[in-house]
C-alpha atoms as a PDB file:
ATOM      1  CA  MET A   1      89.948   1.409  64.460  1.00  0.00           C
ATOM      2  CA  SER A   2      89.349   4.902  65.798  1.00  0.00           C
ATOM      3  CA  ALA A   3      88.906   7.979  63.631  1.00  0.00           C
ATOM      4  CA  LEU A   4      92.334   9.259  64.645  1.00  0.00           C
ATOM      5  CA  GLN A   5      94.013   6.018  63.549  1.00  0.00           C
ATOM      6  CA  MET A   6      92.408   6.374  60.135  1.00  0.00           C
ATOM      7  CA  ILE A   7      94.099   9.753  59.672  1.00  0.00           C
ATOM      8  CA  TYR A   8      97.581   8.572  60.613  1.00  0.00           C
ATOM      9  CA  ARG A   9      99.267   5.519  62.094  1.00  0.00           C
ATOM     10  CA  LYS A  10     101.713   5.913  64.938  1.00  0.00           C
ATOM     11  CA  ASN A  11     105.229   4.913  63.986  1.00  0.00           C
ATOM     12  CA  LEU A  12     107.019   5.766  67.243  1.00  0.00           C
ATOM     13  CA  TYR A  13     107.138   3.619  70.339  1.00  0.00           C
ATOM     14  CA  THR A  14     106.123   5.133  73.672  1.00  0.00           C
ATOM     15  CA  TRP A  15     109.700   5.123  74.972  1.00  0.00           C
ATOM     16  CA  GLU A  16     110.827   6.865  71.786  1.00  0.00           C
ATOM     17  CA  GLN A  17     108.134   9.519  72.181  1.00  0.00           C
ATOM     18  CA  ALA A  18     109.283  10.243  75.749  1.00  0.00           C
ATOM     19  CA  LEU A  19     112.896  10.435  74.602  1.00  0.00           C
ATOM     20  CA  ARG A  20     112.018  12.862  71.810  1.00  0.00           C
ATOM     21  CA  VAL A  21     110.023  15.140  74.107  1.00  0.00           C
ATOM     22  CA  SER A  22     112.771  15.259  76.754  1.00  0.00           C
ATOM     23  CA  ALA A  23     115.477  15.827  74.122  1.00  0.00           C
ATOM     24  CA  SER A  24     113.391  18.579  72.556  1.00  0.00           C
ATOM     25  CA  LEU A  25     113.108  20.392  75.881  1.00  0.00           C
ATOM     26  CA  ALA A  26     116.885  20.199  76.309  1.00  0.00           C
ATOM     27  CA  LEU A  27     117.510  21.508  72.782  1.00  0.00           C
ATOM     28  CA  ILE A  28     115.063  24.372  73.167  1.00  0.00           C
ATOM     29  CA  ALA A  29     116.520  25.351  76.548  1.00  0.00           C
ATOM     30  CA  TYR A  30     120.114  25.210  75.298  1.00  0.00           C
ATOM     31  CA  GLY A  31     119.338  27.116  72.118  1.00  0.00           C
ATOM     32  CA  ALA A  32     117.429  29.802  74.012  1.00  0.00           C
ATOM     33  CA  THR A  33     119.977  30.310  76.790  1.00  0.00           C
ATOM     34  CA  ALA A  34     123.515  29.353  75.758  1.00  0.00           C
ATOM     35  CA  MET A  35     123.245  30.344  72.099  1.00  0.00           C
ATOM     36  CA  LYS A  36     120.832  33.224  72.500  1.00  0.00           C
ATOM     37  CA  GLY A  37     120.382  35.321  69.376  1.00  0.00           C
ATOM     38  CA  THR A  38     122.574  33.235  67.044  1.00  0.00           C
ATOM     39  CA  ILE A  39     121.594  31.365  63.921  1.00  0.00           C
ATOM     40  CA  LEU A  40     122.705  28.096  65.504  1.00  0.00           C
ATOM     41  CA  GLY A  41     120.564  28.861  68.556  1.00  0.00           C
ATOM     42  CA  TYR A  42     117.507  29.411  66.380  1.00  0.00           C
ATOM     43  CA  GLY A  43     118.293  26.181  64.533  1.00  0.00           C
ATOM     44  CA  LEU A  44     118.437  24.264  67.809  1.00  0.00           C
ATOM     45  CA  ILE A  45     115.122  25.759  68.891  1.00  0.00           C
ATOM     46  CA  ALA A  46     113.505  24.826  65.560  1.00  0.00           C
ATOM     47  CA  THR A  47     114.875  21.286  65.802  1.00  0.00           C
ATOM     48  CA  GLY A  48     113.550  21.019  69.352  1.00  0.00           C
ATOM     49  CA  VAL A  49     110.100  22.149  68.270  1.00  0.00           C
ATOM     50  CA  VAL A  50     109.980  19.556  65.482  1.00  0.00           C
ATOM     51  CA  LEU A  51     111.122  16.827  67.891  1.00  0.00           C
ATOM     52  CA  ALA A  52     108.462  17.885  70.400  1.00  0.00           C
ATOM     53  CA  ILE A  53     105.707  17.762  67.791  1.00  0.00           C
ATOM     54  CA  THR A  54     106.712  14.316  66.516  1.00  0.00           C
ATOM     55  CA  GLY A  55     107.057  13.073  70.088  1.00  0.00           C
ATOM     56  CA  LEU A  56     103.672  14.354  71.158  1.00  0.00           C
ATOM     57  CA  PHE A  57     101.823  12.984  68.125  1.00  0.00           C
ATOM     58  CA  GLY A  58     103.792   9.731  67.916  1.00  0.00           C
ATOM     59  CA  TRP A  59     104.236  10.070  64.184  1.00  0.00           C
ATOM     60  CA  CYS A  60     107.466  10.941  62.388  1.00  0.00           C
ATOM     61  CA  PRO A  61     107.340  11.831  58.670  1.00  0.00           C
ATOM     62  CA  MET A  62     110.904  10.581  58.081  1.00  0.00           C
ATOM     63  CA  CYS A  63     110.103   7.206  59.648  1.00  0.00           C
ATOM     64  CA  ALA A  64     106.937   7.002  57.550  1.00  0.00           C
ATOM     65  CA  MET A  65     108.936   7.803  54.428  1.00  0.00           C
ATOM     66  CA  PHE A  66     111.058   4.721  55.061  1.00  0.00           C
ATOM     67  CA  GLY A  67     107.988   2.561  55.696  1.00  0.00           C
ATOM     68  CA  ARG A  68     108.169   2.239  59.477  1.00  0.00           C
ATOM     69  CA  THR A  69     104.820   1.481  61.136  1.00  0.00           C
ATOM     70  CA  LEU A  70     103.776  -0.068  64.414  1.00  0.00           C
ATOM     71  CA  LYS A  71     101.601  -3.133  64.538  1.00  0.00           C
ATOM     72  CA  VAL A  72      98.061  -2.335  65.657  1.00  0.00           C
ATOM     73  CA  LYS A  73      96.743  -4.754  68.269  1.00  0.00           C
ATOM     74  CA  GLN A  74      93.322  -6.150  67.446  1.00  0.00           C
ATOM     75  CA  LYS A  75      90.863  -6.148  70.380  1.00  0.00           C
END
């Protein structure tokens, strides 16, 4: 087990990470262009940033709260 795995365990699959990152880019772009300067636009941007962070790290606090983990393959 690496040092990074001791800090947190990934609970998102690779396909889910890619989906979150691409959805976050779409949310950020839409919030920044179509809803520029509105509260809803800022909310979409904030949601996109959170999705991007969880997608990049592969760990979602909500999924962890409900006990979702991925099985670690032993080498």
